[in-house]
Each structure stands twice: as structure tokens, then as C-alpha cells.
Amino acid sequence: MTRATPIPETVTIHVPFRIVKRGGRKEMLLPASASTQRRPDNALIKALARAFRWKRMLQSGDFATVADLAAREGIAVSYLTRVLRLTQLAPDLVEAILDGRQPHDLTLESLRAQFPVDWISQRALLRV
């Protein structure tokens, strides 16, 4: 621009993005071509940590039933069982989540729904 060129009063910039919920907060999601670096999903990581901790507590015999554990943790049995199901994920899927390499649409909410138990079907469904 030169001094003779008038400065426009408004400039419009188009940035394609979607708003997604991750762990109870909203996050902007850029198109795959625009995002070069992925970040770990803290809500997913926290849920995985809880799930494996609860599994260890049940296996060690500290708690006889899931209901006992849920009462001790102060949470609903249904929530505990949905999160506990994350321990059935294939090890490479867990590693991908911990490294932040999971697909953007893979959220804690999507994993709380039922998913296949066999690892091959999980990989196909979750595209990791």
C-alpha cells in the first residue's frame, strides 16, 4: 500500500472451523489440512487413568463390587461402568490417545457409547 491508497474500513477474513465439545469445554476445530500439530485430549487421558485405576482396585480385591467402588468414589454406578469400559480399548489406541494422535472426532463422549470388544473392529470404527 502506498500513501495514496485508501485504507479499507473493514476487512473480512474467512477461517473455516467447527466448534466441538471436549471434556465439558468448547474448542475450535480447524480442518485437517490446517492443523499440523495435535494435542492430547486431557478429558480422555483423565478418563483412561481413572478407568485403569478403578480396574486395578477391583482386581486387587479392595472392592467386592462395582457398586461398592462407585459409592466410595461418590459417583453413579452407570458412569463408573461406562468409564471402566475404556480399559477394553486396544493398547495401540490407548497409546494414540495418550500421544494426542487420535482423530479429532474421537472424544470422551463418543467413547462412552458402546464400542466393539475386539481390537480389529475398534481400530476400524475409531480410525486410529
C-alpha atoms as a PDB file:
ATOM      1  CA  MET A   1       0.000   0.000   0.000  1.00  0.00           C
ATOM      2  CA  THR A   2       1.112   3.499  -0.709  1.00  0.00           C
ATOM      3  CA  ARG A   3       0.027   6.689   0.988  1.00  0.00           C
ATOM      4  CA  ALA A   4      -2.336   7.396  -1.880  1.00  0.00           C
ATOM      5  CA  THR A   5      -4.162   4.059  -1.449  1.00  0.00           C
ATOM      6  CA  PRO A   6      -7.092   4.438   0.919  1.00  0.00           C
ATOM      7  CA  ILE A   7      -7.220   2.041   3.866  1.00  0.00           C
ATOM      8  CA  PRO A   8     -10.411  -0.013   3.858  1.00  0.00           C
ATOM      9  CA  GLU A   9     -12.650   0.393   6.901  1.00  0.00           C
ATOM     10  CA  THR A  10     -13.399  -3.318   7.180  1.00  0.00           C
ATOM     11  CA  VAL A  11     -11.520  -6.421   6.208  1.00  0.00           C
ATOM     12  CA  THR A  12     -13.195  -9.808   6.021  1.00  0.00           C
ATOM     13  CA  ILE A  13     -11.178 -12.928   6.710  1.00  0.00           C
ATOM     14  CA  HIS A  14     -12.659 -16.394   6.212  1.00  0.00           C
ATOM     15  CA  VAL A  15     -11.357 -19.079   8.583  1.00  0.00           C
ATOM     16  CA  PRO A  16     -13.095 -22.458   8.295  1.00  0.00           C
ATOM     17  CA  PHE A  17     -13.567 -24.178  11.649  1.00  0.00           C
ATOM     18  CA  ARG A  18     -16.060 -26.154  13.710  1.00  0.00           C
ATOM     19  CA  ILE A  19     -16.869 -25.897  17.399  1.00  0.00           C
ATOM     20  CA  VAL A  20     -16.665 -29.232  19.263  1.00  0.00           C
ATOM     21  CA  LYS A  21     -17.103 -30.104  22.920  1.00  0.00           C
ATOM     22  CA  ARG A  22     -14.103 -31.689  24.613  1.00  0.00           C
ATOM     23  CA  GLY A  23     -14.250 -32.525  28.265  1.00  0.00           C
ATOM     24  CA  GLY A  24     -17.039 -30.059  29.026  1.00  0.00           C
ATOM     25  CA  ARG A  25     -15.468 -27.124  27.222  1.00  0.00           C
ATOM     26  CA  LYS A  26     -15.826 -25.846  23.674  1.00  0.00           C
ATOM     27  CA  GLU A  27     -12.886 -25.948  21.316  1.00  0.00           C
ATOM     28  CA  MET A  28     -12.310 -24.679  17.783  1.00  0.00           C
ATOM     29  CA  LEU A  29     -11.510 -27.455  15.352  1.00  0.00           C
ATOM     30  CA  LEU A  30      -9.624 -26.463  12.212  1.00  0.00           C
ATOM     31  CA  PRO A  31      -9.810 -28.529   9.018  1.00  0.00           C
ATOM     32  CA  ALA A  32      -7.362 -31.444   8.868  1.00  0.00           C
ATOM     33  CA  SER A  33      -5.202 -29.641   6.311  1.00  0.00           C
ATOM     34  CA  ALA A  34      -4.875 -26.577   8.549  1.00  0.00           C
ATOM     35  CA  SER A  35      -3.974 -28.317  11.787  1.00  0.00           C
ATOM     36  CA  THR A  36      -0.453 -29.648  11.732  1.00  0.00           C
ATOM     37  CA  GLN A  37       0.015 -30.356  15.409  1.00  0.00           C
ATOM     38  CA  ARG A  38      -2.326 -32.419  17.540  1.00  0.00           C
ATOM     39  CA  ARG A  39      -2.739 -32.034  21.254  1.00  0.00           C
ATOM     40  CA  PRO A  40      -3.642 -34.702  23.768  1.00  0.00           C
ATOM     41  CA  ASP A  41      -7.268 -34.582  24.920  1.00  0.00           C
ATOM     42  CA  ASN A  42      -6.970 -34.110  28.677  1.00  0.00           C
ATOM     43  CA  ALA A  43     -10.519 -35.323  29.364  1.00  0.00           C
ATOM     44  CA  LEU A  44      -9.805 -38.589  27.535  1.00  0.00           C
ATOM     45  CA  ILE A  45      -6.478 -39.062  29.279  1.00  0.00           C
ATOM     46  CA  LYS A  46      -8.019 -38.405  32.690  1.00  0.00           C
ATOM     47  CA  ALA A  47     -10.838 -40.881  31.977  1.00  0.00           C
ATOM     48  CA  LEU A  48      -8.332 -43.537  30.870  1.00  0.00           C
ATOM     49  CA  ALA A  49      -6.298 -43.024  34.043  1.00  0.00           C
ATOM     50  CA  ARG A  50      -9.395 -43.337  36.192  1.00  0.00           C
ATOM     51  CA  ALA A  51     -10.570 -46.432  34.322  1.00  0.00           C
ATOM     52  CA  PHE A  52      -7.289 -48.288  34.760  1.00  0.00           C
ATOM     53  CA  ARG A  53      -7.065 -47.208  38.418  1.00  0.00           C
ATOM     54  CA  TRP A  54     -10.588 -48.470  39.093  1.00  0.00           C
ATOM     55  CA  LYS A  55      -9.860 -51.714  37.277  1.00  0.00           C
ATOM     56  CA  ARG A  56      -6.754 -52.243  39.426  1.00  0.00           C
ATOM     57  CA  MET A  57      -8.780 -51.543  42.585  1.00  0.00           C
ATOM     58  CA  LEU A  58     -11.415 -54.101  41.585  1.00  0.00           C
ATOM     59  CA  GLN A  59      -8.861 -56.744  40.600  1.00  0.00           C
ATOM     60  CA  SER A  60      -6.879 -56.341  43.809  1.00  0.00           C
ATOM     61  CA  GLY A  61      -9.961 -57.117  45.873  1.00  0.00           C
ATOM     62  CA  ASP A  62     -10.120 -53.727  47.572  1.00  0.00           C
ATOM     63  CA  PHE A  63     -13.766 -53.577  46.497  1.00  0.00           C
ATOM     64  CA  ALA A  64     -16.063 -56.553  46.025  1.00  0.00           C
ATOM     65  CA  THR A  65     -18.430 -54.922  43.541  1.00  0.00           C
ATOM     66  CA  VAL A  66     -18.612 -52.015  41.139  1.00  0.00           C
ATOM     67  CA  ALA A  67     -21.373 -50.571  43.330  1.00  0.00           C
ATOM     68  CA  ASP A  68     -19.027 -50.514  46.345  1.00  0.00           C
ATOM     69  CA  LEU A  69     -16.359 -48.728  44.348  1.00  0.00           C
ATOM     70  CA  ALA A  70     -18.843 -46.211  42.930  1.00  0.00           C
ATOM     71  CA  ALA A  71     -20.109 -45.460  46.437  1.00  0.00           C
ATOM     72  CA  ARG A  72     -16.533 -44.932  47.676  1.00  0.00           C
ATOM     73  CA  GLU A  73     -15.759 -42.606  44.727  1.00  0.00           C
ATOM     74  CA  GLY A  74     -19.067 -40.760  45.146  1.00  0.00           C
ATOM     75  CA  ILE A  75     -20.209 -41.352  41.576  1.00  0.00           C
ATOM     76  CA  ALA A  76     -23.044 -43.202  39.855  1.00  0.00           C
ATOM     77  CA  VAL A  77     -22.537 -46.870  39.033  1.00  0.00           C
ATOM     78  CA  SER A  78     -23.577 -46.232  35.416  1.00  0.00           C
ATOM     79  CA  TYR A  79     -20.855 -43.582  34.995  1.00  0.00           C
ATOM     80  CA  LEU A  80     -18.224 -45.842  36.548  1.00  0.00           C
ATOM     81  CA  THR A  81     -19.116 -48.745  34.241  1.00  0.00           C
ATOM     82  CA  ARG A  82     -19.059 -46.528  31.123  1.00  0.00           C
ATOM     83  CA  VAL A  83     -15.616 -45.193  32.025  1.00  0.00           C
ATOM     84  CA  LEU A  84     -14.382 -48.623  33.132  1.00  0.00           C
ATOM     85  CA  ARG A  85     -15.189 -49.883  29.628  1.00  0.00           C
ATOM     86  CA  LEU A  86     -12.237 -47.802  28.351  1.00  0.00           C
ATOM     87  CA  THR A  87      -9.896 -50.473  29.741  1.00  0.00           C
ATOM     88  CA  GLN A  88     -11.064 -52.714  26.879  1.00  0.00           C
ATOM     89  CA  LEU A  89      -9.519 -50.441  24.230  1.00  0.00           C
ATOM     90  CA  ALA A  90      -6.683 -51.874  22.179  1.00  0.00           C
ATOM     91  CA  PRO A  91      -3.265 -50.935  23.600  1.00  0.00           C
ATOM     92  CA  ASP A  92      -2.258 -49.037  20.452  1.00  0.00           C
ATOM     93  CA  LEU A  93      -5.490 -46.995  20.646  1.00  0.00           C
ATOM     94  CA  VAL A  94      -4.706 -46.081  24.252  1.00  0.00           C
ATOM     95  CA  GLU A  95      -1.188 -45.081  23.191  1.00  0.00           C
ATOM     96  CA  ALA A  96      -2.558 -42.951  20.334  1.00  0.00           C
ATOM     97  CA  ILE A  97      -4.869 -41.146  22.762  1.00  0.00           C
ATOM     98  CA  LEU A  98      -2.023 -40.535  25.207  1.00  0.00           C
ATOM     99  CA  ASP A  99       0.168 -39.184  22.381  1.00  0.00           C
ATOM    100  CA  GLY A 100      -2.627 -36.969  21.024  1.00  0.00           C
ATOM    101  CA  ARG A 101      -2.782 -38.877  17.722  1.00  0.00           C
ATOM    102  CA  GLN A 102      -6.480 -39.745  17.993  1.00  0.00           C
ATOM    103  CA  PRO A 103      -8.914 -38.438  15.347  1.00  0.00           C
ATOM    104  CA  HIS A 104     -10.444 -35.076  16.216  1.00  0.00           C
ATOM    105  CA  ASP A 105     -13.929 -36.594  16.394  1.00  0.00           C
ATOM    106  CA  LEU A 106     -12.801 -39.175  18.955  1.00  0.00           C
ATOM    107  CA  THR A 107     -13.961 -37.692  22.256  1.00  0.00           C
ATOM    108  CA  LEU A 108     -14.795 -38.997  25.678  1.00  0.00           C
ATOM    109  CA  GLU A 109     -18.494 -38.708  24.835  1.00  0.00           C
ATOM    110  CA  SER A 110     -18.065 -40.824  21.707  1.00  0.00           C
ATOM    111  CA  LEU A 111     -16.172 -43.481  23.694  1.00  0.00           C
ATOM    112  CA  ARG A 112     -18.797 -43.619  26.427  1.00  0.00           C
ATOM    113  CA  ALA A 113     -21.148 -45.147  23.873  1.00  0.00           C
ATOM    114  CA  GLN A 114     -20.736 -48.846  23.251  1.00  0.00           C
ATOM    115  CA  PHE A 115     -17.843 -49.897  21.048  1.00  0.00           C
ATOM    116  CA  PRO A 116     -16.739 -53.355  19.867  1.00  0.00           C
ATOM    117  CA  VAL A 117     -14.717 -55.501  22.249  1.00  0.00           C
ATOM    118  CA  ASP A 118     -12.386 -56.960  19.610  1.00  0.00           C
ATOM    119  CA  TRP A 119      -9.447 -54.742  18.782  1.00  0.00           C
ATOM    120  CA  ILE A 120      -9.619 -55.067  14.982  1.00  0.00           C
ATOM    121  CA  SER A 121     -13.200 -53.763  14.927  1.00  0.00           C
ATOM    122  CA  GLN A 122     -12.229 -50.979  17.328  1.00  0.00           C
ATOM    123  CA  ARG A 123      -9.454 -49.804  15.015  1.00  0.00           C
ATOM    124  CA  ALA A 124     -11.807 -49.824  12.029  1.00  0.00           C
ATOM    125  CA  LEU A 125     -14.571 -47.987  13.889  1.00  0.00           C
ATOM    126  CA  LEU A 126     -12.351 -45.407  15.593  1.00  0.00           C
ATOM    127  CA  ARG A 127      -9.992 -44.935  12.608  1.00  0.00           C
ATOM    128  CA  VAL A 128      -6.835 -44.794  14.681  1.00  0.00           C
END
